[in-house]
Amino acid sequence: MNRILEKENDAPRGKIRILFVGQSEYFNSCALSRSNWAETAFVHFRHETDQAYILQAIGDFQPGVLICFRPEFIAKGLFQKVTALTVGFSSEPVPHSESDRHADLQRRLSYLEQMDVSNFDRLVHFDVQSLDLLRSKGYPYWRAQPLPLDWGLYETKAPLRDRKGATFVGRATPYRDRFLDLPKRDFNVAHLAHGIDGEALQQFLSHSLVGINLHNENYAGFENRVLYHFACGNLLLTQNLVPSYGLERDEDYLGFETPEQLYALLREVLADPALFEGIRAFGAIKAKKLFNSEDVYKSLIDDLHLDVSAYGRRSL
């Protein structure tokens, strides 16, 4: 098998073929591996190389649908002759309105300037609250959809008695360090900054009681890393999720906004985790119903075919 094409499952004929393209360390977990209705493959995106290897993978796999994460990375005109339906799925947080001038959000918005929208039949963004702004700037976004999780890669049902401490997954930033410094000193808190994903991450999180989610900087968002914690059965402690996409504070997770509030929650939860078992269990069940990639992509692709039938596709 071609090394650039990681085939996810050998499916019988009649199933739709979906090729995912993206940085595997970030997006393999957001794709789809074992599926009842699709045959899938994943192509790892490599920076600063000739992107002909993507076209080669498309030719080898012959997908009906191509889903490309970070579409701004794709070379101008690369998919001009690709007959598969192409979907660009952008995943960087950008402002929600013109009044939002946070430097980090403005920087990430600027990345989209290099995107060739003619490569794609439809564009999807992970944050519904940014759609109006993006459309006002001329980007023809079709819809919003939070990044899902390939639930089968991470789901675990390790019992409460086998779980200890808390885990935060994400790179260190000065903002995050303000929240984590004291908990890491006083409690059993692990910080996984980089270098672990897939099965190794699943094994680690399956033995954690609590999962912590922090924003990257001082602006609210919906980080798809919360889904790792739900799938692995962690009790989620998170800053405000915006948008919430159906998850509810104090029913599916415990919320906080300040370092002091996080510290107090950790002290309370770690002292008697059984008090919060209902929230932990219910959050995992609800999140799977909302964000399991098997269901998310089925709905997305069904809608894609309907929309293309009604409104057409890009010029070929």
Protein backbone atom coordinates (compact mmCIF):
# COMPACT_ATOMS: atom_id res chain seq x y z
CA MET A 1 0.00 0.00 0.00
CA ASN A 2 1.17 3.51 -0.75
CA ARG A 3 2.77 4.91 2.43
CA ILE A 4 1.00 8.26 2.16
CA LEU A 5 -2.42 6.61 2.20
CA GLU A 6 -3.46 5.23 5.58
CA LYS A 7 -6.47 3.04 4.84
CA GLU A 8 -8.88 3.00 7.75
CA ASN A 9 -11.06 -0.01 6.97
CA ASP A 10 -11.74 -2.56 4.25
CA ALA A 11 -15.39 -2.06 3.42
CA PRO A 12 -17.60 -3.95 0.99
CA ARG A 13 -18.75 -2.32 -2.22
CA GLY A 14 -21.66 0.04 -1.96
CA LYS A 15 -20.25 2.10 0.87
CA ILE A 16 -19.31 5.70 0.17
CA ARG A 17 -15.56 6.32 0.00
CA ILE A 18 -14.28 9.27 2.04
CA LEU A 19 -10.72 10.54 1.95
CA PHE A 20 -9.60 12.78 4.82
CA VAL A 21 -6.63 15.11 4.39
CA GLY A 22 -4.94 16.86 7.31
CA GLN A 23 -2.16 16.91 9.85
CA SER A 24 -2.55 13.49 11.42
CA GLU A 25 -1.36 14.58 14.86
CA TYR A 26 -4.30 16.99 15.07
CA PHE A 27 -7.00 15.55 12.85
CA ASN A 28 -6.75 11.77 12.69
CA SER A 29 -8.88 11.66 15.84
CA CYS A 30 -11.47 13.93 14.15
CA ALA A 31 -11.83 11.68 11.10
CA LEU A 32 -13.57 8.32 10.80
CA SER A 33 -11.99 4.88 10.95
CA ARG A 34 -14.33 1.93 11.45
CA SER A 35 -17.70 2.70 9.90
CA ASN A 36 -20.91 0.90 9.07
CA TRP A 37 -21.64 3.06 6.04
CA ALA A 38 -18.31 4.35 4.67
CA GLU A 39 -14.90 3.21 3.54
CA THR A 40 -12.31 5.74 4.64
CA ALA A 41 -8.66 6.65 4.34
CA PHE A 42 -6.48 9.41 5.77
CA VAL A 43 -3.66 11.32 4.09
CA HIS A 44 -1.19 13.05 6.37
CA PHE A 45 -0.57 16.64 5.24
CA ARG A 46 3.10 17.58 5.01
CA HIS A 47 4.13 21.23 5.07
CA GLU A 48 6.49 22.72 2.51
CA THR A 49 6.42 19.81 0.07
CA ASP A 50 5.01 19.32 -3.39
CA GLN A 51 1.34 18.50 -2.80
CA ALA A 52 1.18 16.09 -5.73
CA TYR A 53 1.18 13.27 -3.16
CA ILE A 54 -2.37 14.32 -2.22
CA LEU A 55 -3.49 13.96 -5.83
CA GLN A 56 -1.76 10.58 -5.99
CA ALA A 57 -3.69 9.44 -2.90
CA ILE A 58 -6.93 10.65 -4.45
CA GLY A 59 -6.16 8.68 -7.60
CA ASP A 60 -5.31 5.56 -5.61
CA PHE A 61 -8.36 5.64 -3.34
CA GLN A 62 -10.94 7.12 -5.73
CA PRO A 63 -13.09 8.80 -3.06
CA GLY A 64 -16.60 10.03 -3.58
CA VAL A 65 -16.03 12.74 -0.96
CA LEU A 66 -12.82 14.44 0.12
CA ILE A 67 -12.76 16.25 3.49
CA CYS A 68 -9.78 18.52 3.99
CA PHE A 69 -8.92 19.97 7.39
CA ARG A 70 -7.18 23.38 7.33
CA PRO A 71 -8.17 24.09 3.69
CA GLU A 72 -6.03 27.22 3.68
CA PHE A 73 -2.97 24.95 3.43
CA ILE A 74 -4.00 23.48 0.06
CA ALA A 75 -2.19 24.86 -2.99
CA LYS A 76 -4.10 27.09 -5.36
CA GLY A 77 -5.98 25.06 -7.95
CA LEU A 78 -4.83 21.68 -6.58
CA PHE A 79 -8.32 20.15 -6.71
CA GLN A 80 -9.30 21.75 -10.02
CA LYS A 81 -9.62 18.40 -11.78
CA VAL A 82 -10.70 16.32 -8.78
CA THR A 83 -14.15 14.89 -9.49
CA ALA A 84 -14.91 13.93 -5.88
CA LEU A 85 -17.02 16.30 -3.84
CA THR A 86 -14.56 18.41 -1.85
CA VAL A 87 -15.21 19.88 1.59
CA GLY A 88 -12.86 22.32 3.29
CA PHE A 89 -13.17 22.11 7.08
CA SER A 90 -11.55 25.09 8.83
CA SER A 91 -10.69 24.63 12.50
CA GLU A 92 -8.89 27.76 13.67
CA PRO A 93 -10.71 30.12 16.06
CA VAL A 94 -11.44 33.50 14.50
CA PRO A 95 -13.37 36.55 15.78
CA HIS A 96 -17.10 36.33 16.30
CA SER A 97 -17.62 39.95 15.24
CA GLU A 98 -15.77 42.99 13.93
CA SER A 99 -15.53 44.34 17.47
CA ASP A 100 -13.49 41.34 18.58
CA ARG A 101 -9.93 42.55 18.08
CA HIS A 102 -7.98 39.97 20.07
CA ALA A 103 -4.56 39.71 18.42
CA ASP A 104 -4.48 35.92 18.40
CA LEU A 105 -7.90 35.68 16.73
CA GLN A 106 -6.96 38.31 14.15
CA ARG A 107 -3.76 36.40 13.36
CA ARG A 108 -5.67 33.16 12.81
CA LEU A 109 -8.24 34.95 10.66
CA SER A 110 -5.41 36.16 8.43
CA TYR A 111 -4.48 32.54 7.63
CA LEU A 112 -7.68 32.21 5.61
CA GLU A 113 -6.47 34.87 3.17
CA GLN A 114 -4.34 32.22 1.45
CA MET A 115 -7.27 29.82 0.97
CA ASP A 116 -8.30 29.09 -2.63
CA VAL A 117 -12.05 28.65 -2.21
CA SER A 118 -12.35 27.32 -5.77
CA ASN A 119 -10.73 24.08 -4.54
CA PHE A 120 -13.87 23.22 -2.60
CA ASP A 121 -17.50 22.47 -3.30
CA ARG A 122 -18.44 23.48 0.24
CA LEU A 123 -16.71 25.11 3.19
CA VAL A 124 -17.43 24.18 6.81
CA HIS A 125 -16.22 26.05 9.89
CA PHE A 126 -16.07 24.57 13.36
CA ASP A 127 -17.58 27.59 15.15
CA VAL A 128 -21.13 28.68 14.31
CA GLN A 129 -20.69 32.06 15.98
CA SER A 130 -18.04 33.08 13.44
CA LEU A 131 -20.09 32.26 10.34
CA ASP A 132 -21.62 35.71 9.86
CA LEU A 133 -18.25 37.43 10.09
CA LEU A 134 -16.60 35.00 7.69
CA ARG A 135 -19.42 35.35 5.17
CA SER A 136 -19.30 39.14 5.45
CA LYS A 137 -15.63 38.95 4.42
CA GLY A 138 -16.52 37.02 1.28
CA TYR A 139 -15.78 33.47 2.38
CA PRO A 140 -18.59 31.26 1.03
CA TYR A 141 -19.09 29.10 4.09
CA TRP A 142 -21.92 26.60 3.79
CA ARG A 143 -22.41 25.69 7.44
CA ALA A 144 -20.83 25.25 10.87
CA GLN A 145 -20.02 21.93 12.50
CA PRO A 146 -17.86 21.35 15.58
CA LEU A 147 -15.01 18.94 14.99
CA PRO A 148 -16.27 15.48 15.94
CA LEU A 149 -14.31 12.65 17.56
CA ASP A 150 -13.71 9.16 16.25
CA TRP A 151 -15.28 7.78 19.41
CA GLY A 152 -14.14 4.22 18.97
CA LEU A 153 -10.49 5.27 19.16
CA TYR A 154 -10.87 6.71 22.65
CA GLU A 155 -13.93 5.28 24.36
CA THR A 156 -13.17 3.47 27.59
CA LYS A 157 -15.27 2.34 30.50
CA ALA A 158 -12.59 1.99 33.19
CA PRO A 159 -14.31 2.00 36.59
CA LEU A 160 -14.08 4.91 39.00
CA ARG A 161 -11.91 2.92 41.42
CA ASP A 162 -9.16 2.67 38.77
CA ARG A 163 -8.99 6.42 38.17
CA LYS A 164 -6.84 9.02 39.90
CA GLY A 165 -6.04 12.70 39.64
CA ALA A 166 -6.60 15.17 36.83
CA THR A 167 -5.13 15.71 33.37
CA PHE A 168 -4.81 18.71 31.09
CA VAL A 169 -3.95 18.11 27.43
CA GLY A 170 -2.59 21.07 25.47
CA ARG A 171 0.43 23.25 24.93
CA ALA A 172 1.61 25.54 27.68
CA THR A 173 0.81 29.25 27.42
CA PRO A 174 1.22 32.00 30.02
CA TYR A 175 -2.56 32.20 30.25
CA ARG A 176 -2.93 28.50 30.95
CA ASP A 177 -0.04 28.45 33.39
CA ARG A 178 -1.93 30.90 35.60
CA PHE A 179 -4.58 28.22 36.08
CA LEU A 180 -2.32 25.19 36.38
CA ASP A 181 0.64 26.24 38.49
CA LEU A 182 -0.97 25.88 41.92
CA PRO A 183 -3.03 22.75 41.13
CA LYS A 184 0.08 21.01 39.80
CA ARG A 185 1.84 21.87 43.06
CA ASP A 186 -0.94 20.83 45.42
CA PHE A 187 -2.86 18.04 43.63
CA ASN A 188 -2.22 15.07 41.39
CA VAL A 189 -2.45 17.01 38.12
CA ALA A 190 -0.66 15.92 34.94
CA HIS A 191 -0.02 18.32 32.05
CA LEU A 192 0.43 16.60 28.67
CA ALA A 193 1.84 19.41 26.55
CA HIS A 194 2.78 17.46 23.42
CA GLY A 195 3.99 14.18 22.01
CA ILE A 196 1.12 11.89 22.97
CA ASP A 197 -2.01 11.01 21.03
CA GLY A 198 -3.98 8.03 19.79
CA GLU A 199 -3.79 4.85 21.86
CA ALA A 200 -1.16 6.26 24.21
CA LEU A 201 -3.37 9.23 25.05
CA GLN A 202 -6.41 6.97 25.44
CA GLN A 203 -4.53 4.75 27.88
CA PHE A 204 -3.41 7.73 29.94
CA LEU A 205 -6.82 9.42 30.07
CA SER A 206 -8.59 6.16 30.88
CA HIS A 207 -6.80 6.19 34.24
CA SER A 208 -7.56 9.85 34.98
CA LEU A 209 -10.54 10.85 37.07
CA VAL A 210 -10.75 14.46 35.89
CA GLY A 211 -10.11 16.15 32.56
CA ILE A 212 -9.33 19.88 32.58
CA ASN A 213 -10.03 22.15 29.62
CA LEU A 214 -8.55 25.64 29.36
CA HIS A 215 -8.80 28.17 26.57
CA ASN A 216 -5.63 28.93 24.64
CA GLU A 217 -5.80 32.64 25.44
CA ASN A 218 -8.23 34.97 27.16
CA TYR A 219 -11.13 34.38 24.77
CA ALA A 220 -13.89 31.78 24.91
CA GLY A 221 -14.31 28.95 22.44
CA PHE A 222 -15.25 25.32 22.00
CA GLU A 223 -12.13 23.16 22.15
CA ASN A 224 -12.67 19.72 20.68
CA ARG A 225 -10.23 18.29 23.22
CA VAL A 226 -13.15 18.19 25.66
CA LEU A 227 -14.41 15.26 23.59
CA TYR A 228 -11.33 13.18 24.44
CA HIS A 229 -12.25 13.52 28.10
CA PHE A 230 -15.88 12.59 27.57
CA ALA A 231 -14.95 9.53 25.50
CA CYS A 232 -12.37 8.40 28.06
CA GLY A 233 -14.88 8.78 30.88
CA ASN A 234 -13.27 11.74 32.65
CA LEU A 235 -15.28 14.21 34.69
CA LEU A 236 -14.80 17.38 32.66
CA LEU A 237 -13.84 20.66 34.36
CA THR A 238 -13.81 23.42 31.77
CA GLN A 239 -13.96 27.12 31.19
CA ASN A 240 -17.08 28.41 29.49
CA LEU A 241 -17.71 26.64 26.16
CA VAL A 242 -18.82 29.08 23.45
CA PRO A 243 -20.84 27.87 21.68
CA SER A 244 -21.88 25.02 23.95
CA TYR A 245 -23.37 22.86 21.14
CA GLY A 246 -25.86 21.32 23.55
CA LEU A 247 -23.55 20.59 26.47
CA GLU A 248 -24.86 21.96 29.76
CA ARG A 249 -22.93 23.21 32.77
CA ASP A 250 -23.50 21.27 36.02
CA GLU A 251 -25.29 18.52 34.06
CA ASP A 252 -22.61 17.36 31.61
CA TYR A 253 -19.55 19.05 33.09
CA LEU A 254 -18.40 21.39 35.87
CA GLY A 255 -17.52 24.94 34.91
CA PHE A 256 -15.11 27.59 36.14
CA GLU A 257 -13.76 30.92 34.93
CA THR A 258 -10.87 31.85 37.24
CA PRO A 259 -7.79 30.02 38.58
CA GLU A 260 -9.29 30.22 42.06
CA GLN A 261 -12.49 28.52 40.91
CA LEU A 262 -10.56 25.72 39.23
CA TYR A 263 -8.51 25.16 42.37
CA ALA A 264 -11.64 24.98 44.54
CA LEU A 265 -13.35 22.53 42.14
CA LEU A 266 -10.34 20.23 42.07
CA ARG A 267 -10.15 20.21 45.85
CA GLU A 268 -13.83 19.31 46.12
CA VAL A 269 -13.90 16.68 43.35
CA LEU A 270 -10.70 14.90 44.33
CA ALA A 271 -11.82 14.74 47.96
CA ASP A 272 -15.04 12.85 47.10
CA PRO A 273 -15.37 11.96 43.41
CA ALA A 274 -18.45 9.81 43.99
CA LEU A 275 -20.49 12.98 44.53
CA PHE A 276 -20.00 13.87 40.87
CA GLU A 277 -20.41 10.44 39.32
CA GLY A 278 -23.77 11.31 37.78
CA ILE A 279 -22.32 14.30 35.92
CA ARG A 280 -19.35 12.24 34.73
CA ALA A 281 -21.50 9.39 33.41
CA PHE A 282 -24.23 11.56 31.86
CA GLY A 283 -21.71 13.85 30.16
CA ALA A 284 -20.06 10.89 28.42
CA ILE A 285 -23.39 9.54 27.16
CA LYS A 286 -24.62 12.89 25.88
CA ALA A 287 -21.35 13.89 24.21
CA LYS A 288 -21.21 10.62 22.28
CA LYS A 289 -24.70 11.26 20.91
CA LEU A 290 -23.71 14.76 19.81
CA PHE A 291 -20.14 14.37 18.54
CA ASN A 292 -19.48 10.78 17.45
CA SER A 293 -17.86 11.08 14.01
CA GLU A 294 -19.77 8.04 12.69
CA ASP A 295 -23.03 9.97 13.04
CA VAL A 296 -21.70 13.47 12.37
CA TYR A 297 -20.18 12.62 8.99
CA LYS A 298 -23.20 10.57 7.93
CA SER A 299 -25.43 13.59 8.49
CA LEU A 300 -22.92 15.99 6.95
CA ILE A 301 -22.49 13.96 3.77
CA ASP A 302 -26.20 13.28 3.39
CA ASP A 303 -26.78 17.05 3.59
CA LEU A 304 -23.87 17.68 1.23
CA HIS A 305 -25.40 15.54 -1.49
CA LEU A 306 -28.78 17.21 -1.07
CA ASP A 307 -27.24 20.69 -1.19
CA VAL A 308 -25.13 19.93 -4.25
CA SER A 309 -28.17 18.47 -6.00
CA ALA A 310 -30.10 21.65 -5.28
CA TYR A 311 -27.45 24.31 -5.81
CA GLY A 312 -24.65 22.75 -7.83
CA ARG A 313 -20.95 22.53 -7.24
CA ARG A 314 -17.66 24.24 -8.04
CA SER A 315 -16.49 24.61 -11.61
CA LEU A 316 -14.52 21.62 -12.92
